[in-house]
């Protein structure tokens, strides 16, 4: 039983240390940091510009008034307030998604190009004619005998 356990641990260690697993871990960490940057860009730069073109309208202020059912939150007029799908948050999230998807697309496209270029390079190296093999000792000896006989 101990042998299986150590084999299992060895197999897990090999799996965890594979290049793909480490690349995935690095990608997740970098992706999380990049998401923070994209969030800041969207909320601090893009959304204010969108709001400016809509006459300074703040999406967080958009509301739908519904009849009261249970103990919902009421405004100053006694009507139920529901944020309009928190439109500003939704729009920010959508813009973040589009930016992230575009960047991931560019990264995948670049990696695929590099992979294709590497494969072409490997094919060219494989297609290059190999140098003729060195003559064997017998062939060298026979060549020397032939040269001596010619003289």
C-alpha atoms as a PDB file:
ATOM      1  CA  UNK A   1       0.000   0.000   0.000  1.00  0.00           C
ATOM      2  CA  UNK A   2       2.859   2.383   0.822  1.00  0.00           C
ATOM      3  CA  UNK A   3       4.318   1.753  -2.608  1.00  0.00           C
ATOM      4  CA  UNK A   4       1.082   2.834  -4.324  1.00  0.00           C
ATOM      5  CA  UNK A   5       0.894   5.962  -2.211  1.00  0.00           C
ATOM      6  CA  UNK A   6       4.435   7.025  -3.055  1.00  0.00           C
ATOM      7  CA  UNK A   7       3.748   6.255  -6.726  1.00  0.00           C
ATOM      8  CA  UNK A   8       0.591   8.356  -6.515  1.00  0.00           C
ATOM      9  CA  UNK A   9       2.487  11.246  -4.919  1.00  0.00           C
ATOM     10  CA  UNK A  10       5.238  10.959  -7.536  1.00  0.00           C
ATOM     11  CA  UNK A  11       2.648  10.990 -10.314  1.00  0.00           C
ATOM     12  CA  UNK A  12       0.912  14.022  -8.773  1.00  0.00           C
ATOM     13  CA  UNK A  13       4.256  15.845  -8.458  1.00  0.00           C
ATOM     14  CA  UNK A  14       5.029  15.171 -12.135  1.00  0.00           C
ATOM     15  CA  UNK A  15       1.563  16.415 -13.095  1.00  0.00           C
ATOM     16  CA  UNK A  16       1.861  19.574 -10.978  1.00  0.00           C
ATOM     17  CA  UNK A  17       5.315  20.369 -12.307  1.00  0.00           C
ATOM     18  CA  UNK A  18       4.439  19.995 -15.972  1.00  0.00           C
ATOM     19  CA  UNK A  19       5.010  23.122 -18.031  1.00  0.00           C
ATOM     20  CA  UNK A  20       1.326  23.477 -18.874  1.00  0.00           C
ATOM     21  CA  UNK A  21       0.279  23.470 -15.224  1.00  0.00           C
ATOM     22  CA  UNK A  22       2.832  26.134 -14.308  1.00  0.00           C
ATOM     23  CA  UNK A  23       1.850  28.200 -17.347  1.00  0.00           C
ATOM     24  CA  UNK A  24      -1.778  27.993 -16.265  1.00  0.00           C
ATOM     25  CA  UNK A  25      -0.938  29.167 -12.747  1.00  0.00           C
ATOM     26  CA  UNK A  26       1.049  32.117 -14.083  1.00  0.00           C
ATOM     27  CA  UNK A  27      -1.776  32.933 -16.513  1.00  0.00           C
ATOM     28  CA  UNK A  28      -4.359  33.003 -13.736  1.00  0.00           C
ATOM     29  CA  UNK A  29      -2.223  35.319 -11.596  1.00  0.00           C
ATOM     30  CA  UNK A  30      -1.425  37.677 -14.466  1.00  0.00           C
ATOM     31  CA  UNK A  31      -5.071  37.566 -15.587  1.00  0.00           C
ATOM     32  CA  UNK A  32      -6.239  38.633 -12.136  1.00  0.00           C
ATOM     33  CA  UNK A  33      -3.834  41.564 -12.123  1.00  0.00           C
ATOM     34  CA  UNK A  34      -4.834  42.496 -15.673  1.00  0.00           C
ATOM     35  CA  UNK A  35      -8.521  42.409 -14.704  1.00  0.00           C
ATOM     36  CA  UNK A  36      -7.834  45.028 -12.028  1.00  0.00           C
ATOM     37  CA  UNK A  37      -6.195  47.273 -14.621  1.00  0.00           C
ATOM     38  CA  UNK A  38      -9.082  46.819 -17.066  1.00  0.00           C
ATOM     39  CA  UNK A  39     -11.628  47.531 -14.301  1.00  0.00           C
ATOM     40  CA  UNK A  40      -9.818  50.757 -13.441  1.00  0.00           C
ATOM     41  CA  UNK A  41      -9.646  51.752 -17.118  1.00  0.00           C
ATOM     42  CA  UNK A  42     -13.347  51.091 -17.629  1.00  0.00           C
ATOM     43  CA  UNK A  43     -14.586  52.762 -14.444  1.00  0.00           C
ATOM     44  CA  UNK A  44     -12.180  55.716 -14.418  1.00  0.00           C
ATOM     45  CA  UNK A  45     -11.783  56.511 -18.125  1.00  0.00           C
ATOM     46  CA  UNK A  46     -14.369  54.874 -20.370  1.00  0.00           C
ATOM     47  CA  UNK A  47     -17.531  55.198 -18.254  1.00  0.00           C
ATOM     48  CA  UNK A  48     -17.059  58.939 -17.555  1.00  0.00           C
ATOM     49  CA  UNK A  49     -16.639  59.547 -21.293  1.00  0.00           C
ATOM     50  CA  UNK A  50     -19.795  57.521 -22.058  1.00  0.00           C
ATOM     51  CA  UNK A  51     -21.637  59.468 -19.369  1.00  0.00           C
ATOM     52  CA  UNK A  52     -20.380  62.751 -20.854  1.00  0.00           C
ATOM     53  CA  UNK A  53     -21.839  61.853 -24.271  1.00  0.00           C
ATOM     54  CA  UNK A  54     -25.155  61.020 -22.605  1.00  0.00           C
ATOM     55  CA  UNK A  55     -25.406  64.471 -21.069  1.00  0.00           C
ATOM     56  CA  UNK A  56     -23.789  63.677 -17.727  1.00  0.00           C
ATOM     57  CA  UNK A  57     -26.345  60.976 -17.000  1.00  0.00           C
ATOM     58  CA  UNK A  58     -25.279  58.578 -14.248  1.00  0.00           C
ATOM     59  CA  UNK A  59     -26.430  55.037 -14.936  1.00  0.00           C
ATOM     60  CA  UNK A  60     -26.643  54.254 -11.218  1.00  0.00           C
ATOM     61  CA  UNK A  61     -29.537  56.711 -10.935  1.00  0.00           C
ATOM     62  CA  UNK A  62     -31.764  54.876 -13.428  1.00  0.00           C
ATOM     63  CA  UNK A  63     -34.639  53.116 -11.604  1.00  0.00           C
ATOM     64  CA  UNK A  64     -37.721  51.058 -12.318  1.00  0.00           C
ATOM     65  CA  UNK A  65     -40.682  51.669 -10.032  1.00  0.00           C
ATOM     66  CA  UNK A  66     -42.610  48.513  -9.149  1.00  0.00           C
ATOM     67  CA  UNK A  67     -45.611  47.828  -6.934  1.00  0.00           C
ATOM     68  CA  UNK A  68     -44.765  46.814  -3.372  1.00  0.00           C
ATOM     69  CA  UNK A  69     -44.988  43.071  -2.682  1.00  0.00           C
ATOM     70  CA  UNK A  70     -43.187  42.282   0.545  1.00  0.00           C
ATOM     71  CA  UNK A  71     -40.772  44.350   2.624  1.00  0.00           C
ATOM     72  CA  UNK A  72     -38.918  45.960  -0.276  1.00  0.00           C
ATOM     73  CA  UNK A  73     -36.893  49.135  -0.008  1.00  0.00           C
ATOM     74  CA  UNK A  74     -39.018  52.263  -0.570  1.00  0.00           C
ATOM     75  CA  UNK A  75     -38.060  55.705  -1.852  1.00  0.00           C
ATOM     76  CA  UNK A  76     -39.233  59.052  -0.466  1.00  0.00           C
ATOM     77  CA  UNK A  77     -42.591  58.667  -2.278  1.00  0.00           C
ATOM     78  CA  UNK A  78     -43.279  55.221  -0.810  1.00  0.00           C
ATOM     79  CA  UNK A  79     -42.655  53.391  -4.085  1.00  0.00           C
ATOM     80  CA  UNK A  80     -40.511  50.274  -4.439  1.00  0.00           C
ATOM     81  CA  UNK A  81     -37.110  51.061  -5.906  1.00  0.00           C
ATOM     82  CA  UNK A  82     -35.239  48.590  -8.063  1.00  0.00           C
ATOM     83  CA  UNK A  83     -32.056  49.728  -9.766  1.00  0.00           C
ATOM     84  CA  UNK A  84     -32.381  49.514 -13.524  1.00  0.00           C
ATOM     85  CA  UNK A  85     -30.274  46.382 -13.652  1.00  0.00           C
ATOM     86  CA  UNK A  86     -27.576  48.583 -12.172  1.00  0.00           C
ATOM     87  CA  UNK A  87     -26.997  49.585 -15.771  1.00  0.00           C
ATOM     88  CA  UNK A  88     -23.675  51.299 -15.050  1.00  0.00           C
ATOM     89  CA  UNK A  89     -22.273  48.165 -13.434  1.00  0.00           C
ATOM     90  CA  UNK A  90     -23.597  46.026 -16.273  1.00  0.00           C
ATOM     91  CA  UNK A  91     -22.115  48.323 -18.917  1.00  0.00           C
ATOM     92  CA  UNK A  92     -18.775  48.395 -17.067  1.00  0.00           C
ATOM     93  CA  UNK A  93     -18.746  44.609 -16.837  1.00  0.00           C
ATOM     94  CA  UNK A  94     -19.614  44.299 -20.529  1.00  0.00           C
ATOM     95  CA  UNK A  95     -16.833  46.695 -21.553  1.00  0.00           C
ATOM     96  CA  UNK A  96     -14.413  44.804 -19.293  1.00  0.00           C
ATOM     97  CA  UNK A  97     -15.463  41.552 -20.968  1.00  0.00           C
ATOM     98  CA  UNK A  98     -14.941  42.952 -24.469  1.00  0.00           C
ATOM     99  CA  UNK A  99     -11.488  44.315 -23.574  1.00  0.00           C
ATOM    100  CA  UNK A 100     -10.421  41.075 -21.866  1.00  0.00           C
ATOM    101  CA  UNK A 101     -11.756  38.925 -24.718  1.00  0.00           C
ATOM    102  CA  UNK A 102      -9.920  41.072 -27.274  1.00  0.00           C
ATOM    103  CA  UNK A 103      -6.633  40.850 -25.367  1.00  0.00           C
ATOM    104  CA  UNK A 104      -6.983  37.072 -24.943  1.00  0.00           C
ATOM    105  CA  UNK A 105      -7.722  36.811 -28.683  1.00  0.00           C
ATOM    106  CA  UNK A 106      -4.545  38.758 -29.494  1.00  0.00           C
ATOM    107  CA  UNK A 107      -2.471  36.614 -27.135  1.00  0.00           C
ATOM    108  CA  UNK A 108      -3.826  33.346 -28.574  1.00  0.00           C
ATOM    109  CA  UNK A 109      -3.306  34.612 -32.116  1.00  0.00           C
ATOM    110  CA  UNK A 110       0.293  35.599 -31.333  1.00  0.00           C
ATOM    111  CA  UNK A 111       1.051  32.283 -29.635  1.00  0.00           C
ATOM    112  CA  UNK A 112      -0.412  30.380 -32.601  1.00  0.00           C
ATOM    113  CA  UNK A 113       1.739  32.381 -35.032  1.00  0.00           C
ATOM    114  CA  UNK A 114       4.853  31.693 -32.963  1.00  0.00           C
ATOM    115  CA  UNK A 115       3.968  28.000 -32.753  1.00  0.00           C
ATOM    116  CA  UNK A 116       3.437  27.815 -36.545  1.00  0.00           C
ATOM    117  CA  UNK A 117       6.741  29.616 -37.168  1.00  0.00           C
ATOM    118  CA  UNK A 118       8.519  27.164 -34.871  1.00  0.00           C
ATOM    119  CA  UNK A 119       6.949  24.197 -36.650  1.00  0.00           C
ATOM    120  CA  UNK A 120       7.994  25.572 -40.055  1.00  0.00           C
ATOM    121  CA  UNK A 121      11.540  26.081 -38.765  1.00  0.00           C
ATOM    122  CA  UNK A 122      11.646  22.506 -37.422  1.00  0.00           C
ATOM    123  CA  UNK A 123      10.344  21.166 -40.750  1.00  0.00           C
ATOM    124  CA  UNK A 124      13.047  23.079 -42.644  1.00  0.00           C
ATOM    125  CA  UNK A 125      15.712  21.660 -40.355  1.00  0.00           C
ATOM    126  CA  UNK A 126      14.313  18.151 -40.814  1.00  0.00           C
ATOM    127  CA  UNK A 127      14.166  18.569 -44.601  1.00  0.00           C
ATOM    128  CA  UNK A 128      17.747  19.839 -44.825  1.00  0.00           C
ATOM    129  CA  UNK A 129      19.931  17.104 -46.313  1.00  0.00           C
ATOM    130  CA  UNK A 130      22.002  15.330 -43.744  1.00  0.00           C
ATOM    131  CA  UNK A 131      25.762  15.354 -44.156  1.00  0.00           C
ATOM    132  CA  UNK A 132      27.036  12.155 -45.753  1.00  0.00           C
ATOM    133  CA  UNK A 133      28.234   9.669 -43.170  1.00  0.00           C
ATOM    134  CA  UNK A 134      31.914   9.324 -42.436  1.00  0.00           C
ATOM    135  CA  UNK A 135      33.505   6.445 -44.339  1.00  0.00           C
ATOM    136  CA  UNK A 136      34.142   3.337 -42.295  1.00  0.00           C
ATOM    137  CA  UNK A 137      37.671   2.088 -41.541  1.00  0.00           C
ATOM    138  CA  UNK A 138      37.333  -0.529 -44.293  1.00  0.00           C
ATOM    139  CA  UNK A 139      36.252   2.100 -46.830  1.00  0.00           C
ATOM    140  CA  UNK A 140      39.188   4.328 -45.863  1.00  0.00           C
ATOM    141  CA  UNK A 141      41.595   1.412 -46.191  1.00  0.00           C
ATOM    142  CA  UNK A 142      40.158   0.432 -49.595  1.00  0.00           C
ATOM    143  CA  UNK A 143      40.391   4.050 -50.779  1.00  0.00           C
ATOM    144  CA  UNK A 144      44.074   4.190 -49.792  1.00  0.00           C
ATOM    145  CA  UNK A 145      44.764   0.884 -51.593  1.00  0.00           C
ATOM    146  CA  UNK A 146      42.995   2.163 -54.715  1.00  0.00           C
ATOM    147  CA  UNK A 147      44.981   5.404 -54.650  1.00  0.00           C
ATOM    148  CA  UNK A 148      48.243   3.442 -54.245  1.00  0.00           C
ATOM    149  CA  UNK A 149      47.359   1.156 -57.166  1.00  0.00           C
ATOM    150  CA  UNK A 150      46.654   4.174 -59.371  1.00  0.00           C
ATOM    151  CA  UNK A 151      50.139   5.514 -58.740  1.00  0.00           C
END
